[in-house]
Amino acid sequence: MDTLARLQEMQEVTEKLAATNDLDEAKVHMSRLVVLMSEEFVRTNGIADVMNKQLYEIQNLRSFIEKEGLALKYELHKKREVR
């Protein structure tokens, strides 16, 4: 289930929860909300982990480029090609 579908289901369950007067039915709706929120949290957390790893790798590459002076070499190479 994708995020949009999960959020739509959360809204529907919340509306059902607000409309119910029965305690047992309310517990069922609350349990479903907790499950949906947990699923979305796990998915979002997984995406954040992947993004953090990518940012870490980019920072390592940036540090390597700066340390080796590759940016300056590249700029000099581009200037030579233009001439």
N, C-alpha and C. Protein backbone atom coordinates (compact mmCIF):
# COMPACT_ATOMS: atom_id res chain seq x y z
N MET A 1 0.86 -1.17 0.00
CA MET A 1 0.00 0.00 0.00
C MET A 1 0.90 1.24 0.00
N ASP A 2 0.60 2.19 -0.85
CA ASP A 2 1.43 3.39 -0.90
C ASP A 2 0.97 4.42 0.13
N THR A 3 1.74 5.47 0.27
CA THR A 3 1.48 6.47 1.30
C THR A 3 0.11 7.11 1.15
N LEU A 4 -0.23 7.50 -0.06
CA LEU A 4 -1.51 8.17 -0.27
C LEU A 4 -2.68 7.26 0.12
N ALA A 5 -2.62 6.01 -0.29
CA ALA A 5 -3.69 5.07 0.05
C ALA A 5 -3.75 4.86 1.56
N ARG A 6 -2.59 4.78 2.19
CA ARG A 6 -2.54 4.58 3.64
C ARG A 6 -3.14 5.80 4.36
N LEU A 7 -2.81 7.00 3.90
CA LEU A 7 -3.35 8.21 4.51
C LEU A 7 -4.85 8.31 4.31
N GLN A 8 -5.33 7.92 3.14
CA GLN A 8 -6.77 7.92 2.90
C GLN A 8 -7.47 6.93 3.82
N GLU A 9 -6.88 5.77 3.99
CA GLU A 9 -7.48 4.79 4.90
C GLU A 9 -7.46 5.30 6.34
N MET A 10 -6.37 5.97 6.73
CA MET A 10 -6.31 6.55 8.08
C MET A 10 -7.44 7.55 8.28
N GLN A 11 -7.70 8.37 7.26
CA GLN A 11 -8.78 9.35 7.36
C GLN A 11 -10.13 8.66 7.51
N GLU A 12 -10.35 7.62 6.71
CA GLU A 12 -11.61 6.88 6.79
C GLU A 12 -11.79 6.24 8.17
N VAL A 13 -10.74 5.62 8.67
CA VAL A 13 -10.80 4.97 9.98
C VAL A 13 -11.04 6.01 11.07
N THR A 14 -10.40 7.16 10.95
CA THR A 14 -10.58 8.24 11.93
C THR A 14 -12.02 8.73 11.93
N GLU A 15 -12.60 8.86 10.74
CA GLU A 15 -14.01 9.28 10.66
C GLU A 15 -14.93 8.24 11.30
N LYS A 16 -14.64 6.96 11.06
CA LYS A 16 -15.43 5.90 11.69
C LYS A 16 -15.27 5.93 13.20
N LEU A 17 -14.05 6.18 13.65
CA LEU A 17 -13.77 6.25 15.09
C LEU A 17 -14.55 7.39 15.73
N ALA A 18 -14.57 8.54 15.06
CA ALA A 18 -15.28 9.69 15.60
C ALA A 18 -16.79 9.45 15.64
N ALA A 19 -17.29 8.63 14.73
CA ALA A 19 -18.73 8.40 14.66
C ALA A 19 -19.22 7.27 15.56
N THR A 20 -18.33 6.48 16.12
CA THR A 20 -18.76 5.32 16.90
C THR A 20 -19.01 5.68 18.36
N ASN A 21 -19.96 4.97 18.93
CA ASN A 21 -20.27 5.11 20.36
C ASN A 21 -19.93 3.84 21.13
N ASP A 22 -19.63 2.78 20.41
CA ASP A 22 -19.35 1.49 21.00
C ASP A 22 -17.85 1.38 21.33
N LEU A 23 -17.54 1.04 22.57
CA LEU A 23 -16.15 0.97 23.02
C LEU A 23 -15.36 -0.10 22.26
N ASP A 24 -15.96 -1.26 22.06
CA ASP A 24 -15.24 -2.33 21.34
C ASP A 24 -14.95 -1.92 19.90
N GLU A 25 -15.91 -1.30 19.26
CA GLU A 25 -15.71 -0.83 17.89
C GLU A 25 -14.63 0.26 17.85
N ALA A 26 -14.63 1.13 18.84
CA ALA A 26 -13.61 2.19 18.92
C ALA A 26 -12.22 1.57 19.06
N LYS A 27 -12.11 0.52 19.85
CA LYS A 27 -10.82 -0.16 20.02
C LYS A 27 -10.33 -0.74 18.70
N VAL A 28 -11.24 -1.31 17.93
CA VAL A 28 -10.88 -1.88 16.62
C VAL A 28 -10.35 -0.78 15.71
N HIS A 29 -11.04 0.35 15.68
CA HIS A 29 -10.61 1.47 14.83
C HIS A 29 -9.26 2.03 15.29
N MET A 30 -9.09 2.16 16.60
CA MET A 30 -7.82 2.67 17.12
C MET A 30 -6.68 1.72 16.79
N SER A 31 -6.93 0.43 16.90
CA SER A 31 -5.90 -0.56 16.57
C SER A 31 -5.51 -0.46 15.10
N ARG A 32 -6.49 -0.30 14.24
CA ARG A 32 -6.20 -0.17 12.81
C ARG A 32 -5.38 1.09 12.54
N LEU A 33 -5.71 2.18 13.21
CA LEU A 33 -4.94 3.42 13.05
C LEU A 33 -3.49 3.23 13.48
N VAL A 34 -3.30 2.55 14.59
CA VAL A 34 -1.93 2.31 15.08
C VAL A 34 -1.15 1.48 14.06
N VAL A 35 -1.78 0.47 13.49
CA VAL A 35 -1.11 -0.37 12.49
C VAL A 35 -0.74 0.46 11.26
N LEU A 36 -1.67 1.25 10.78
CA LEU A 36 -1.39 2.07 9.59
C LEU A 36 -0.27 3.08 9.85
N MET A 37 -0.31 3.72 11.02
CA MET A 37 0.74 4.69 11.35
C MET A 37 2.09 4.00 11.49
N SER A 38 2.09 2.83 12.08
CA SER A 38 3.33 2.08 12.24
C SER A 38 3.91 1.70 10.88
N GLU A 39 3.07 1.23 9.98
CA GLU A 39 3.54 0.88 8.63
C GLU A 39 4.14 2.08 7.93
N GLU A 40 3.49 3.22 8.04
CA GLU A 40 3.99 4.43 7.37
C GLU A 40 5.28 4.90 8.01
N PHE A 41 5.37 4.79 9.33
CA PHE A 41 6.61 5.18 10.01
C PHE A 41 7.78 4.31 9.57
N VAL A 42 7.56 3.01 9.49
CA VAL A 42 8.62 2.08 9.07
C VAL A 42 9.06 2.41 7.65
N ARG A 43 8.12 2.64 6.76
CA ARG A 43 8.44 2.96 5.37
C ARG A 43 9.21 4.28 5.28
N THR A 44 8.73 5.29 5.98
CA THR A 44 9.38 6.60 5.96
C THR A 44 10.77 6.52 6.58
N ASN A 45 10.90 5.77 7.65
CA ASN A 45 12.20 5.62 8.30
C ASN A 45 13.19 4.92 7.37
N GLY A 46 12.71 3.94 6.62
CA GLY A 46 13.58 3.25 5.66
C GLY A 46 14.07 4.19 4.58
N ILE A 47 13.19 5.04 4.09
CA ILE A 47 13.58 6.03 3.08
C ILE A 47 14.60 6.99 3.66
N ALA A 48 14.40 7.43 4.89
CA ALA A 48 15.34 8.35 5.53
C ALA A 48 16.72 7.70 5.67
N ASP A 49 16.76 6.43 6.02
CA ASP A 49 18.04 5.72 6.14
C ASP A 49 18.78 5.69 4.80
N VAL A 50 18.06 5.38 3.73
CA VAL A 50 18.68 5.34 2.40
C VAL A 50 19.20 6.72 2.03
N MET A 51 18.41 7.75 2.29
CA MET A 51 18.84 9.11 1.96
C MET A 51 20.06 9.51 2.77
N ASN A 52 20.09 9.15 4.03
CA ASN A 52 21.26 9.47 4.86
C ASN A 52 22.51 8.78 4.34
N LYS A 53 22.39 7.54 3.91
CA LYS A 53 23.54 6.82 3.35
C LYS A 53 24.02 7.49 2.07
N GLN A 54 23.09 7.93 1.24
CA GLN A 54 23.47 8.61 0.00
C GLN A 54 24.15 9.95 0.30
N LEU A 55 23.63 10.69 1.26
CA LEU A 55 24.25 11.96 1.64
C LEU A 55 25.65 11.75 2.20
N TYR A 56 25.83 10.71 2.98
CA TYR A 56 27.14 10.38 3.53
C TYR A 56 28.12 10.08 2.40
N GLU A 57 27.67 9.31 1.42
CA GLU A 57 28.53 8.97 0.28
C GLU A 57 28.88 10.22 -0.53
N ILE A 58 27.92 11.09 -0.74
CA ILE A 58 28.18 12.35 -1.46
C ILE A 58 29.20 13.19 -0.70
N GLN A 59 29.06 13.27 0.61
CA GLN A 59 30.02 14.04 1.40
C GLN A 59 31.42 13.44 1.31
N ASN A 60 31.51 12.12 1.34
CA ASN A 60 32.82 11.46 1.18
C ASN A 60 33.44 11.78 -0.17
N LEU A 61 32.63 11.73 -1.23
CA LEU A 61 33.13 12.07 -2.56
C LEU A 61 33.58 13.52 -2.64
N ARG A 62 32.79 14.40 -2.05
CA ARG A 62 33.14 15.83 -2.04
C ARG A 62 34.47 16.05 -1.31
N SER A 63 34.64 15.40 -0.18
CA SER A 63 35.90 15.52 0.57
C SER A 63 37.08 15.01 -0.25
N PHE A 64 36.89 13.88 -0.94
CA PHE A 64 37.95 13.31 -1.77
C PHE A 64 38.31 14.27 -2.91
N ILE A 65 37.30 14.82 -3.56
CA ILE A 65 37.54 15.75 -4.67
C ILE A 65 38.31 16.97 -4.19
N GLU A 66 37.91 17.51 -3.04
CA GLU A 66 38.61 18.68 -2.49
C GLU A 66 40.04 18.32 -2.09
N LYS A 67 40.21 17.17 -1.44
CA LYS A 67 41.53 16.76 -0.97
C LYS A 67 42.49 16.54 -2.14
N GLU A 68 42.01 15.97 -3.20
CA GLU A 68 42.85 15.66 -4.36
C GLU A 68 43.00 16.83 -5.32
N GLY A 69 42.27 17.91 -5.07
CA GLY A 69 42.34 19.06 -5.97
C GLY A 69 41.72 18.78 -7.33
N LEU A 70 40.81 17.85 -7.39
CA LEU A 70 40.22 17.45 -8.67
C LEU A 70 39.31 18.52 -9.26
N ALA A 71 38.67 19.30 -8.43
CA ALA A 71 37.79 20.35 -8.95
C ALA A 71 38.60 21.37 -9.73
N LEU A 72 39.73 21.78 -9.19
CA LEU A 72 40.59 22.74 -9.87
C LEU A 72 41.12 22.14 -11.17
N LYS A 73 41.55 20.88 -11.14
CA LYS A 73 42.05 20.23 -12.35
C LYS A 73 40.96 20.16 -13.42
N TYR A 74 39.76 19.90 -13.02
CA TYR A 74 38.65 19.82 -13.96
C TYR A 74 38.39 21.18 -14.60
N GLU A 75 38.37 22.23 -13.78
CA GLU A 75 38.16 23.58 -14.31
C GLU A 75 39.25 23.96 -15.30
N LEU A 76 40.50 23.64 -14.98
CA LEU A 76 41.61 23.93 -15.89
C LEU A 76 41.45 23.15 -17.19
N HIS A 77 41.02 21.91 -17.10
CA HIS A 77 40.81 21.07 -18.28
C HIS A 77 39.71 21.68 -19.16
N LYS A 78 38.62 22.13 -18.56
CA LYS A 78 37.53 22.75 -19.33
C LYS A 78 38.02 24.00 -20.04
N LYS A 79 38.82 24.82 -19.36
CA LYS A 79 39.33 26.05 -19.98
C LYS A 79 40.21 25.73 -21.18
N ARG A 80 41.02 24.69 -21.07
CA ARG A 80 41.88 24.29 -22.19
C ARG A 80 41.06 23.81 -23.38
N GLU A 81 39.97 23.12 -23.13
CA GLU A 81 39.12 22.62 -24.22
C GLU A 81 38.45 23.76 -24.97
N VAL A 82 38.10 24.83 -24.26
CA VAL A 82 37.41 25.96 -24.87
C VAL A 82 38.33 26.68 -25.85
N ARG A 83 39.60 26.74 -25.54
CA ARG A 83 40.55 27.48 -26.38
C ARG A 83 40.79 26.79 -27.63
